[in-house]
Amino acid sequence: MSRNLSTLIGAGAILLWSFLALCTAASGNIPPFQLNAMAFTVGTLVGMAKWIKHPASIKKLRQPAKAWLLGVAGLFGYHLFYFTALRNAPTIDASLIGYLWPLLIVLFSSLLPGEHLKWQHIVGCVLGLGGAALIVTGGQGFSFKTEFAFGYFMAVLAALAWSSYSVLSRRFAHVPTDAVTGFCAATAILSLGGHLLWETTIWPENIWQWVAVIGLGLGPLGLAFYVWDHGVKHGDIQILGAASYSAPLLSTLILILFGFAQFTWAVGAACLLITLGAIVASKDMIFRSKKPPINAN
């Protein structure tokens, strides 16, 4: 499979993550860790579905301890830190800090063998970060306060957790994507533990909330992790990092479409910034020049 095709497959995760806010909003008042446990259980079933036709895939869960540590730390660690940040800092501030992970992916990826950091990757990420800031703040600005320092620190750890997981996954390119099934299962179990320790159980109140929870597990917290794993291992990780800033924009547009939000000038400006950033970062792939054939004569 070509590098470009793998990049496009990985970009499918970004599209799926754009439905995260919609599914979460439609799921009602389910506590974060309980919702995480329910959704990741469904996400585990997504991977297990392959076992029906290919039973041998179960054996692919037998991976080195380092691979398991990375996978579980990435999936569960990110959500643990992010939820903790939201509990200890304003949502806008925590979300903005959390969205540093695409930029960190681009920066960290330059340390990988065979990868080179180019100007367009940095410029693309900065433009994307600017667009994400407009989406998160609504163009109203933001202010950091010392009393929320712990929450800010947790948001930084969330960004570091996901960016590190994504970049280090390239080091485990030999680990098949089937192993993500096990990582999702472990994350579901750990999330259940967090729920039992810190939350009160609230079940969905109607069929549509159940549909939202199942949709969350099938897409944003399910299939998304499988295609992202393939993308960061075999695709252009720097393009994927820069393109990830389109997730908050697409998410907002979907919320507007379904009546959960309104279109504003900030959304329009973010559209321009994030689109421009993605084009700049993907310059080499989009405008790849074809060398003329060498004249044998």
C-alpha atoms as a PDB file:
ATOM      1  CA  MET A   1       0.000   0.000   0.000  1.00  0.00           C
ATOM      2  CA  SER A   2       1.389   3.426  -0.983  1.00  0.00           C
ATOM      3  CA  ARG A   3       2.378   6.106   1.533  1.00  0.00           C
ATOM      4  CA  ASN A   4      -0.207   8.516   0.125  1.00  0.00           C
ATOM      5  CA  LEU A   5      -3.035   5.982   0.426  1.00  0.00           C
ATOM      6  CA  SER A   6      -2.007   5.208   3.999  1.00  0.00           C
ATOM      7  CA  THR A   7      -2.079   8.942   4.725  1.00  0.00           C
ATOM      8  CA  LEU A   8      -5.624   9.179   3.347  1.00  0.00           C
ATOM      9  CA  ILE A   9      -6.690   6.202   5.469  1.00  0.00           C
ATOM     10  CA  GLY A  10      -5.235   7.881   8.563  1.00  0.00           C
ATOM     11  CA  ALA A  11      -7.082  11.085   7.652  1.00  0.00           C
ATOM     12  CA  GLY A  12     -10.295   9.081   7.984  1.00  0.00           C
ATOM     13  CA  ALA A  13      -9.752   9.263  11.755  1.00  0.00           C
ATOM     14  CA  ILE A  14      -9.867  13.060  11.602  1.00  0.00           C
ATOM     15  CA  LEU A  15     -13.232  12.893   9.839  1.00  0.00           C
ATOM     16  CA  LEU A  16     -14.554  10.421  12.417  1.00  0.00           C
ATOM     17  CA  TRP A  17     -13.296  12.546  15.327  1.00  0.00           C
ATOM     18  CA  SER A  18     -15.283  15.466  13.933  1.00  0.00           C
ATOM     19  CA  PHE A  19     -18.435  13.605  15.049  1.00  0.00           C
ATOM     20  CA  LEU A  20     -17.164  13.340  18.637  1.00  0.00           C
ATOM     21  CA  ALA A  21     -18.830  16.532  19.872  1.00  0.00           C
ATOM     22  CA  LEU A  22     -22.146  15.711  18.198  1.00  0.00           C
ATOM     23  CA  CYS A  23     -22.314  12.188  19.612  1.00  0.00           C
ATOM     24  CA  THR A  24     -21.233  13.413  23.041  1.00  0.00           C
ATOM     25  CA  ALA A  25     -23.838  16.184  23.063  1.00  0.00           C
ATOM     26  CA  ALA A  26     -26.559  13.766  21.921  1.00  0.00           C
ATOM     27  CA  SER A  27     -25.633  11.162  24.554  1.00  0.00           C
ATOM     28  CA  GLY A  28     -27.112  13.183  27.409  1.00  0.00           C
ATOM     29  CA  ASN A  29     -25.529  13.653  30.836  1.00  0.00           C
ATOM     30  CA  ILE A  30     -23.501  10.451  31.050  1.00  0.00           C
ATOM     31  CA  PRO A  31     -20.317  11.066  33.116  1.00  0.00           C
ATOM     32  CA  PRO A  32     -17.072  11.186  31.062  1.00  0.00           C
ATOM     33  CA  PHE A  33     -15.432   7.986  32.297  1.00  0.00           C
ATOM     34  CA  GLN A  34     -18.671   6.027  32.105  1.00  0.00           C
ATOM     35  CA  LEU A  35     -19.171   7.266  28.536  1.00  0.00           C
ATOM     36  CA  ASN A  36     -15.566   6.374  27.783  1.00  0.00           C
ATOM     37  CA  ALA A  37     -16.031   2.848  29.147  1.00  0.00           C
ATOM     38  CA  MET A  38     -19.244   2.288  27.168  1.00  0.00           C
ATOM     39  CA  ALA A  39     -17.865   3.720  23.916  1.00  0.00           C
ATOM     40  CA  PHE A  40     -14.537   1.883  24.093  1.00  0.00           C
ATOM     41  CA  THR A  41     -16.424  -1.354  24.733  1.00  0.00           C
ATOM     42  CA  VAL A  42     -18.195  -0.800  21.420  1.00  0.00           C
ATOM     43  CA  GLY A  43     -14.845   0.170  19.884  1.00  0.00           C
ATOM     44  CA  THR A  44     -13.433  -3.159  21.074  1.00  0.00           C
ATOM     45  CA  LEU A  45     -16.300  -4.989  19.356  1.00  0.00           C
ATOM     46  CA  VAL A  46     -15.383  -3.180  16.116  1.00  0.00           C
ATOM     47  CA  GLY A  47     -11.998  -4.904  16.166  1.00  0.00           C
ATOM     48  CA  MET A  48     -13.402  -8.220  17.362  1.00  0.00           C
ATOM     49  CA  ALA A  49     -15.761  -8.314  14.376  1.00  0.00           C
ATOM     50  CA  LYS A  50     -12.774  -9.266  12.243  1.00  0.00           C
ATOM     51  CA  TRP A  51     -12.270 -12.389  14.345  1.00  0.00           C
ATOM     52  CA  ILE A  52     -15.450 -13.909  12.911  1.00  0.00           C
ATOM     53  CA  LYS A  53     -13.976 -14.158   9.428  1.00  0.00           C
ATOM     54  CA  HIS A  54     -10.314 -14.298  10.452  1.00  0.00           C
ATOM     55  CA  PRO A  55     -10.021 -16.133  13.806  1.00  0.00           C
ATOM     56  CA  ALA A  56      -6.237 -16.073  13.504  1.00  0.00           C
ATOM     57  CA  SER A  57      -6.360 -12.314  14.131  1.00  0.00           C
ATOM     58  CA  ILE A  58      -6.827 -13.063  17.830  1.00  0.00           C
ATOM     59  CA  LYS A  59      -3.203 -14.218  17.975  1.00  0.00           C
ATOM     60  CA  LYS A  60      -2.087 -10.743  16.918  1.00  0.00           C
ATOM     61  CA  LEU A  61      -2.964  -9.513  20.401  1.00  0.00           C
ATOM     62  CA  ARG A  62       0.224 -11.254  21.534  1.00  0.00           C
ATOM     63  CA  GLN A  63       2.552  -8.269  21.317  1.00  0.00           C
ATOM     64  CA  PRO A  64       5.575  -7.120  23.355  1.00  0.00           C
ATOM     65  CA  ALA A  65       4.875  -5.445  26.670  1.00  0.00           C
ATOM     66  CA  LYS A  66       6.279  -2.173  25.292  1.00  0.00           C
ATOM     67  CA  ALA A  67       3.671  -2.149  22.520  1.00  0.00           C
ATOM     68  CA  TRP A  68       0.874  -2.726  25.036  1.00  0.00           C
ATOM     69  CA  LEU A  69       2.234  -0.030  27.345  1.00  0.00           C
ATOM     70  CA  LEU A  70       2.358   2.487  24.503  1.00  0.00           C
ATOM     71  CA  GLY A  71      -1.101   1.614  23.191  1.00  0.00           C
ATOM     72  CA  VAL A  72      -2.882   1.715  26.537  1.00  0.00           C
ATOM     73  CA  ALA A  73      -0.967   4.770  27.748  1.00  0.00           C
ATOM     74  CA  GLY A  74      -1.902   6.588  24.558  1.00  0.00           C
ATOM     75  CA  LEU A  75      -5.603   5.761  24.467  1.00  0.00           C
ATOM     76  CA  PHE A  76      -6.381   5.785  28.190  1.00  0.00           C
ATOM     77  CA  GLY A  77      -3.712   8.279  29.247  1.00  0.00           C
ATOM     78  CA  TYR A  78      -4.927  10.962  26.856  1.00  0.00           C
ATOM     79  CA  HIS A  79      -8.536  10.701  28.030  1.00  0.00           C
ATOM     80  CA  LEU A  80      -7.532  10.550  31.704  1.00  0.00           C
ATOM     81  CA  PHE A  81      -5.465  13.735  31.454  1.00  0.00           C
ATOM     82  CA  TYR A  82      -7.996  15.521  29.257  1.00  0.00           C
ATOM     83  CA  PHE A  83     -10.979  14.771  31.489  1.00  0.00           C
ATOM     84  CA  THR A  84      -8.948  15.816  34.542  1.00  0.00           C
ATOM     85  CA  ALA A  85      -8.031  19.067  32.787  1.00  0.00           C
ATOM     86  CA  LEU A  86     -11.698  19.817  32.055  1.00  0.00           C
ATOM     87  CA  ARG A  87     -12.522  19.254  35.714  1.00  0.00           C
ATOM     88  CA  ASN A  88      -9.813  21.636  36.923  1.00  0.00           C
ATOM     89  CA  ALA A  89      -9.731  24.440  34.339  1.00  0.00           C
ATOM     90  CA  PRO A  90     -12.159  26.357  32.113  1.00  0.00           C
ATOM     91  CA  THR A  91     -13.237  24.292  29.108  1.00  0.00           C
ATOM     92  CA  ILE A  92     -11.978  26.866  26.599  1.00  0.00           C
ATOM     93  CA  ASP A  93      -8.504  27.081  28.131  1.00  0.00           C
ATOM     94  CA  ALA A  94      -8.130  23.321  28.606  1.00  0.00           C
ATOM     95  CA  SER A  95      -9.348  22.578  25.068  1.00  0.00           C
ATOM     96  CA  LEU A  96      -6.995  25.114  23.510  1.00  0.00           C
ATOM     97  CA  ILE A  97      -3.974  23.722  25.348  1.00  0.00           C
ATOM     98  CA  GLY A  98      -5.092  20.195  24.503  1.00  0.00           C
ATOM     99  CA  TYR A  99      -5.112  21.077  20.809  1.00  0.00           C
ATOM    100  CA  LEU A 100      -1.339  21.495  20.884  1.00  0.00           C
ATOM    101  CA  TRP A 101      -1.053  17.780  20.044  1.00  0.00           C
ATOM    102  CA  PRO A 102      -1.152  18.177  16.232  1.00  0.00           C
ATOM    103  CA  LEU A 103       1.701  20.699  16.367  1.00  0.00           C
ATOM    104  CA  LEU A 104       3.645  18.434  18.739  1.00  0.00           C
ATOM    105  CA  ILE A 105       3.161  15.499  16.353  1.00  0.00           C
ATOM    106  CA  VAL A 106       4.754  17.503  13.546  1.00  0.00           C
ATOM    107  CA  LEU A 107       7.653  18.630  15.749  1.00  0.00           C
ATOM    108  CA  PHE A 108       8.298  15.216  17.349  1.00  0.00           C
ATOM    109  CA  SER A 109       8.070  13.405  14.016  1.00  0.00           C
ATOM    110  CA  SER A 110      11.242  15.146  12.848  1.00  0.00           C
ATOM    111  CA  LEU A 111      13.113  12.862  15.267  1.00  0.00           C
ATOM    112  CA  LEU A 112      11.936   9.732  13.429  1.00  0.00           C
ATOM    113  CA  PRO A 113      14.263   7.979  10.971  1.00  0.00           C
ATOM    114  CA  GLY A 114      13.681   9.148   7.414  1.00  0.00           C
ATOM    115  CA  GLU A 115      11.498  12.118   8.413  1.00  0.00           C
ATOM    116  CA  HIS A 116      12.488  15.737   7.807  1.00  0.00           C
ATOM    117  CA  LEU A 117      10.790  18.798   9.240  1.00  0.00           C
ATOM    118  CA  LYS A 118      10.070  21.350   6.502  1.00  0.00           C
ATOM    119  CA  TRP A 119       8.899  24.959   6.666  1.00  0.00           C
ATOM    120  CA  GLN A 120       5.472  24.119   5.259  1.00  0.00           C
ATOM    121  CA  HIS A 121       4.789  21.704   8.116  1.00  0.00           C
ATOM    122  CA  ILE A 122       5.442  24.394  10.735  1.00  0.00           C
ATOM    123  CA  VAL A 123       3.517  27.099   8.853  1.00  0.00           C
ATOM    124  CA  GLY A 124       0.613  24.723   8.230  1.00  0.00           C
ATOM    125  CA  CYS A 125       0.402  23.820  11.918  1.00  0.00           C
ATOM    126  CA  VAL A 126       0.598  27.442  13.084  1.00  0.00           C
ATOM    127  CA  LEU A 127      -2.245  28.386  10.721  1.00  0.00           C
ATOM    128  CA  GLY A 128      -4.228  25.375  11.925  1.00  0.00           C
ATOM    129  CA  LEU A 129      -3.613  26.234  15.573  1.00  0.00           C
ATOM    130  CA  GLY A 130      -4.851  29.765  14.888  1.00  0.00           C
ATOM    131  CA  GLY A 131      -8.018  28.359  13.338  1.00  0.00           C
ATOM    132  CA  ALA A 132      -8.518  25.963  16.240  1.00  0.00           C
ATOM    133  CA  ALA A 133      -8.098  28.869  18.686  1.00  0.00           C
ATOM    134  CA  LEU A 134     -10.875  30.770  16.910  1.00  0.00           C
ATOM    135  CA  ILE A 135     -13.154  27.715  17.061  1.00  0.00           C
ATOM    136  CA  VAL A 136     -12.494  27.024  20.744  1.00  0.00           C
ATOM    137  CA  THR A 137     -12.708  30.649  21.942  1.00  0.00           C
ATOM    138  CA  GLY A 138     -15.367  31.842  19.496  1.00  0.00           C
ATOM    139  CA  GLY A 139     -13.123  34.791  18.729  1.00  0.00           C
ATOM    140  CA  GLN A 140     -13.640  36.163  22.238  1.00  0.00           C
ATOM    141  CA  GLY A 141     -10.107  35.568  23.431  1.00  0.00           C
ATOM    142  CA  PHE A 142      -8.990  33.646  26.509  1.00  0.00           C
ATOM    143  CA  SER A 143      -7.138  34.257  29.744  1.00  0.00           C
ATOM    144  CA  PHE A 144      -4.992  31.922  31.787  1.00  0.00           C
ATOM    145  CA  LYS A 145      -5.289  32.156  35.576  1.00  0.00           C
ATOM    146  CA  THR A 146      -2.890  30.761  38.161  1.00  0.00           C
ATOM    147  CA  GLU A 147      -5.664  29.073  40.160  1.00  0.00           C
ATOM    148  CA  PHE A 148      -6.202  26.722  37.221  1.00  0.00           C
ATOM    149  CA  ALA A 149      -2.528  25.774  36.927  1.00  0.00           C
ATOM    150  CA  PHE A 150      -3.174  22.105  37.720  1.00  0.00           C
ATOM    151  CA  GLY A 151      -5.840  21.886  35.016  1.00  0.00           C
ATOM    152  CA  TYR A 152      -3.522  23.537  32.494  1.00  0.00           C
ATOM    153  CA  PHE A 153      -0.785  21.075  33.410  1.00  0.00           C
ATOM    154  CA  MET A 154      -3.164  18.149  32.849  1.00  0.00           C
ATOM    155  CA  ALA A 155      -4.080  19.587  29.425  1.00  0.00           C
ATOM    156  CA  VAL A 156      -0.384  19.767  28.524  1.00  0.00           C
ATOM    157  CA  LEU A 157       0.025  16.133  29.592  1.00  0.00           C
ATOM    158  CA  ALA A 158      -2.969  15.204  27.417  1.00  0.00           C
ATOM    159  CA  ALA A 159      -1.357  16.860  24.398  1.00  0.00           C
ATOM    160  CA  LEU A 160       1.960  15.161  25.163  1.00  0.00           C
ATOM    161  CA  ALA A 161       0.272  11.783  25.662  1.00  0.00           C
ATOM    162  CA  TRP A 162      -1.510  11.721  22.306  1.00  0.00           C
ATOM    163  CA  SER A 163       1.325  13.248  20.284  1.00  0.00           C
ATOM    164  CA  SER A 164       3.879  10.880  21.847  1.00  0.00           C
ATOM    165  CA  TYR A 165       1.634   7.861  21.236  1.00  0.00           C
ATOM    166  CA  SER A 166       1.107   8.857  17.604  1.00  0.00           C
ATOM    167  CA  VAL A 167       4.788   9.471  16.865  1.00  0.00           C
ATOM    168  CA  LEU A 168       6.154   6.498  18.818  1.00  0.00           C
ATOM    169  CA  SER A 169       3.688   4.209  17.027  1.00  0.00           C
ATOM    170  CA  ARG A 170       5.958   4.569  13.982  1.00  0.00           C
ATOM    171  CA  ARG A 171       8.621   2.771  16.031  1.00  0.00           C
ATOM    172  CA  PHE A 172       6.168  -0.131  16.346  1.00  0.00           C
ATOM    173  CA  ALA A 173       5.184  -0.276  12.686  1.00  0.00           C
ATOM    174  CA  HIS A 174       5.645  -4.059  12.860  1.00  0.00           C
ATOM    175  CA  VAL A 175       2.780  -4.298  15.378  1.00  0.00           C
ATOM    176  CA  PRO A 176      -0.418  -4.968  13.369  1.00  0.00           C
ATOM    177  CA  THR A 177      -3.425  -2.695  13.703  1.00  0.00           C
ATOM    178  CA  ASP A 178      -5.372  -5.711  15.030  1.00  0.00           C
ATOM    179  CA  ALA A 179      -3.614  -5.096  18.355  1.00  0.00           C
ATOM    180  CA  VAL A 180      -5.627  -1.879  18.755  1.00  0.00           C
ATOM    181  CA  THR A 181      -8.552  -4.143  19.691  1.00  0.00           C
ATOM    182  CA  GLY A 182      -6.699  -5.078  22.866  1.00  0.00           C
ATOM    183  CA  PHE A 183      -5.744  -1.463  23.576  1.00  0.00           C
ATOM    184  CA  CYS A 184      -9.412  -0.436  23.322  1.00  0.00           C
ATOM    185  CA  ALA A 185     -10.454  -3.262  25.653  1.00  0.00           C
ATOM    186  CA  ALA A 186      -7.866  -2.259  28.252  1.00  0.00           C
ATOM    187  CA  THR A 187      -8.952   1.377  27.968  1.00  0.00           C
ATOM    188  CA  ALA A 188     -12.592   0.383  28.508  1.00  0.00           C
ATOM    189  CA  ILE A 189     -11.662  -1.552  31.657  1.00  0.00           C
ATOM    190  CA  LEU A 190      -9.522   1.258  33.077  1.00  0.00           C
ATOM    191  CA  SER A 191     -12.232   3.808  32.259  1.00  0.00           C
ATOM    192  CA  LEU A 192     -14.736   1.665  34.134  1.00  0.00           C
ATOM    193  CA  GLY A 193     -12.400   1.741  37.117  1.00  0.00           C
ATOM    194  CA  GLY A 194     -12.201   5.542  36.906  1.00  0.00           C
ATOM    195  CA  HIS A 195     -15.981   5.725  36.711  1.00  0.00           C
ATOM    196  CA  LEU A 196     -16.483   3.530  39.774  1.00  0.00           C
ATOM    197  CA  LEU A 197     -13.978   5.605  41.747  1.00  0.00           C
ATOM    198  CA  TRP A 198     -15.032   9.130  40.836  1.00  0.00           C
ATOM    199  CA  GLU A 199     -18.480   9.169  39.235  1.00  0.00           C
ATOM    200  CA  THR A 200     -22.136   8.356  39.761  1.00  0.00           C
ATOM    201  CA  THR A 201     -23.703   6.127  37.111  1.00  0.00           C
ATOM    202  CA  ILE A 202     -26.216   7.783  34.771  1.00  0.00           C
ATOM    203  CA  TRP A 203     -27.719   5.604  32.042  1.00  0.00           C
ATOM    204  CA  PRO A 204     -29.043   6.915  28.691  1.00  0.00           C
ATOM    205  CA  GLU A 205     -32.642   8.072  29.053  1.00  0.00           C
ATOM    206  CA  ASN A 206     -33.952   7.185  25.598  1.00  0.00           C
ATOM    207  CA  ILE A 207     -33.172   5.274  22.413  1.00  0.00           C
ATOM    208  CA  TRP A 208     -31.505   8.272  20.736  1.00  0.00           C
ATOM    209  CA  GLN A 209     -29.003   8.625  23.566  1.00  0.00           C
ATOM    210  CA  TRP A 210     -28.196   4.941  23.230  1.00  0.00           C
ATOM    211  CA  VAL A 211     -27.742   5.451  19.480  1.00  0.00           C
ATOM    212  CA  ALA A 212     -25.338   8.332  20.223  1.00  0.00           C
ATOM    213  CA  VAL A 213     -23.283   6.177  22.602  1.00  0.00           C
ATOM    214  CA  ILE A 214     -23.095   3.325  20.086  1.00  0.00           C
ATOM    215  CA  GLY A 215     -22.225   5.790  17.313  1.00  0.00           C
ATOM    216  CA  LEU A 216     -19.468   7.192  19.501  1.00  0.00           C
ATOM    217  CA  GLY A 217     -18.007   3.709  19.928  1.00  0.00           C
ATOM    218  CA  LEU A 218     -18.338   2.780  16.265  1.00  0.00           C
ATOM    219  CA  GLY A 219     -16.706   5.961  14.962  1.00  0.00           C
ATOM    220  CA  PRO A 220     -14.805   8.566  17.059  1.00  0.00           C
ATOM    221  CA  LEU A 221     -13.829   6.135  19.828  1.00  0.00           C
ATOM    222  CA  GLY A 222     -13.708   3.014  17.681  1.00  0.00           C
ATOM    223  CA  LEU A 223     -12.852   2.793  14.005  1.00  0.00           C
ATOM    224  CA  ALA A 224     -10.978   6.105  14.235  1.00  0.00           C
ATOM    225  CA  PHE A 225      -8.214   4.549  16.327  1.00  0.00           C
ATOM    226  CA  TYR A 226      -7.745   1.674  13.897  1.00  0.00           C
ATOM    227  CA  VAL A 227      -7.329   3.871  10.819  1.00  0.00           C
ATOM    228  CA  TRP A 228      -5.197   6.376  12.758  1.00  0.00           C
ATOM    229  CA  ASP A 229      -2.878   3.557  13.804  1.00  0.00           C
ATOM    230  CA  HIS A 230      -2.425   2.553  10.179  1.00  0.00           C
ATOM    231  CA  GLY A 231      -1.938   6.142   9.067  1.00  0.00           C
ATOM    232  CA  VAL A 232       0.735   7.158  11.585  1.00  0.00           C
ATOM    233  CA  LYS A 233       2.635   3.913  11.016  1.00  0.00           C
ATOM    234  CA  HIS A 234       2.645   3.870   7.229  1.00  0.00           C
ATOM    235  CA  GLY A 235       1.527   7.308   6.015  1.00  0.00           C
ATOM    236  CA  ASP A 236       2.898  10.863   6.151  1.00  0.00           C
ATOM    237  CA  ILE A 237       2.660  11.602   9.852  1.00  0.00           C
ATOM    238  CA  GLN A 238       3.512  15.298   9.428  1.00  0.00           C
ATOM    239  CA  ILE A 239       0.645  15.869   7.018  1.00  0.00           C
ATOM    240  CA  LEU A 240      -1.679  13.974   9.357  1.00  0.00           C
ATOM    241  CA  GLY A 241      -0.558  16.147  12.264  1.00  0.00           C
ATOM    242  CA  ALA A 242      -1.236  19.407  10.418  1.00  0.00           C
ATOM    243  CA  ALA A 243      -4.524  18.123   8.962  1.00  0.00           C
ATOM    244  CA  SER A 244      -5.748  17.196  12.446  1.00  0.00           C
ATOM    245  CA  TYR A 245      -6.583  20.845  13.094  1.00  0.00           C
ATOM    246  CA  SER A 246      -9.536  20.381  10.755  1.00  0.00           C
ATOM    247  CA  ALA A 247     -11.219  18.163  13.374  1.00  0.00           C
ATOM    248  CA  PRO A 248     -12.484  21.006  15.622  1.00  0.00           C
ATOM    249  CA  LEU A 249     -13.652  22.930  12.559  1.00  0.00           C
ATOM    250  CA  LEU A 250     -15.515  19.980  11.039  1.00  0.00           C
ATOM    251  CA  SER A 251     -16.941  19.209  14.471  1.00  0.00           C
ATOM    252  CA  THR A 252     -18.305  22.741  14.802  1.00  0.00           C
ATOM    253  CA  LEU A 253     -19.780  22.680  11.278  1.00  0.00           C
ATOM    254  CA  ILE A 254     -21.541  19.394  12.079  1.00  0.00           C
ATOM    255  CA  LEU A 255     -22.931  20.865  15.316  1.00  0.00           C
ATOM    256  CA  ILE A 256     -24.230  23.830  13.290  1.00  0.00           C
ATOM    257  CA  LEU A 257     -25.806  21.472  10.759  1.00  0.00           C
ATOM    258  CA  PHE A 258     -27.659  19.582  13.498  1.00  0.00           C
ATOM    259  CA  GLY A 259     -28.725  22.737  15.338  1.00  0.00           C
ATOM    260  CA  PHE A 260     -26.370  22.502  18.338  1.00  0.00           C
ATOM    261  CA  ALA A 261     -24.407  25.656  17.375  1.00  0.00           C
ATOM    262  CA  GLN A 262     -24.589  28.758  15.171  1.00  0.00           C
ATOM    263  CA  PHE A 263     -22.372  29.971  12.334  1.00  0.00           C
ATOM    264  CA  THR A 264     -20.244  32.998  13.293  1.00  0.00           C
ATOM    265  CA  TRP A 265     -17.452  35.065  11.773  1.00  0.00           C
ATOM    266  CA  ALA A 266     -14.985  33.082  13.907  1.00  0.00           C
ATOM    267  CA  VAL A 267     -16.105  29.820  12.263  1.00  0.00           C
ATOM    268  CA  GLY A 268     -15.716  31.387   8.805  1.00  0.00           C
ATOM    269  CA  ALA A 269     -12.231  32.698   9.607  1.00  0.00           C
ATOM    270  CA  ALA A 270     -11.256  29.340  11.080  1.00  0.00           C
ATOM    271  CA  CYS A 271     -12.376  27.667   7.854  1.00  0.00           C
ATOM    272  CA  LEU A 272      -9.940  29.797   5.888  1.00  0.00           C
ATOM    273  CA  LEU A 273      -7.029  29.390   8.306  1.00  0.00           C
ATOM    274  CA  ILE A 274      -7.351  25.631   8.751  1.00  0.00           C
ATOM    275  CA  THR A 275      -7.938  24.947   5.052  1.00  0.00           C
ATOM    276  CA  LEU A 276      -4.954  27.097   4.094  1.00  0.00           C
ATOM    277  CA  GLY A 277      -2.837  25.419   6.767  1.00  0.00           C
ATOM    278  CA  ALA A 278      -3.739  21.932   5.519  1.00  0.00           C
ATOM    279  CA  ILE A 279      -2.918  22.906   1.911  1.00  0.00           C
ATOM    280  CA  VAL A 280       0.427  24.421   2.900  1.00  0.00           C
ATOM    281  CA  ALA A 281       1.401  21.424   5.044  1.00  0.00           C
ATOM    282  CA  SER A 282       0.410  18.994   2.272  1.00  0.00           C
ATOM    283  CA  LYS A 283       2.192  20.976  -0.453  1.00  0.00           C
ATOM    284  CA  ASP A 284       4.593  18.206  -1.381  1.00  0.00           C
ATOM    285  CA  MET A 285       1.841  15.601  -1.677  1.00  0.00           C
ATOM    286  CA  ILE A 286      -0.677  17.811  -3.521  1.00  0.00           C
ATOM    287  CA  PHE A 287       1.698  19.593  -5.867  1.00  0.00           C
ATOM    288  CA  ARG A 288       4.282  16.858  -6.271  1.00  0.00           C
ATOM    289  CA  SER A 289       6.175  17.623  -9.454  1.00  0.00           C
ATOM    290  CA  LYS A 290       6.624  14.843 -11.952  1.00  0.00           C
ATOM    291  CA  LYS A 291      10.078  14.663 -13.384  1.00  0.00           C
ATOM    292  CA  PRO A 292      10.129  14.319 -17.174  1.00  0.00           C
ATOM    293  CA  PRO A 293      11.380  10.964 -18.436  1.00  0.00           C
ATOM    294  CA  ILE A 294      15.034  10.823 -19.301  1.00  0.00           C
ATOM    295  CA  ASN A 295      15.612  10.844 -23.030  1.00  0.00           C
ATOM    296  CA  ALA A 296      17.452   7.675 -23.855  1.00  0.00           C
ATOM    297  CA  ASN A 297      18.852   9.339 -26.963  1.00  0.00           C
END
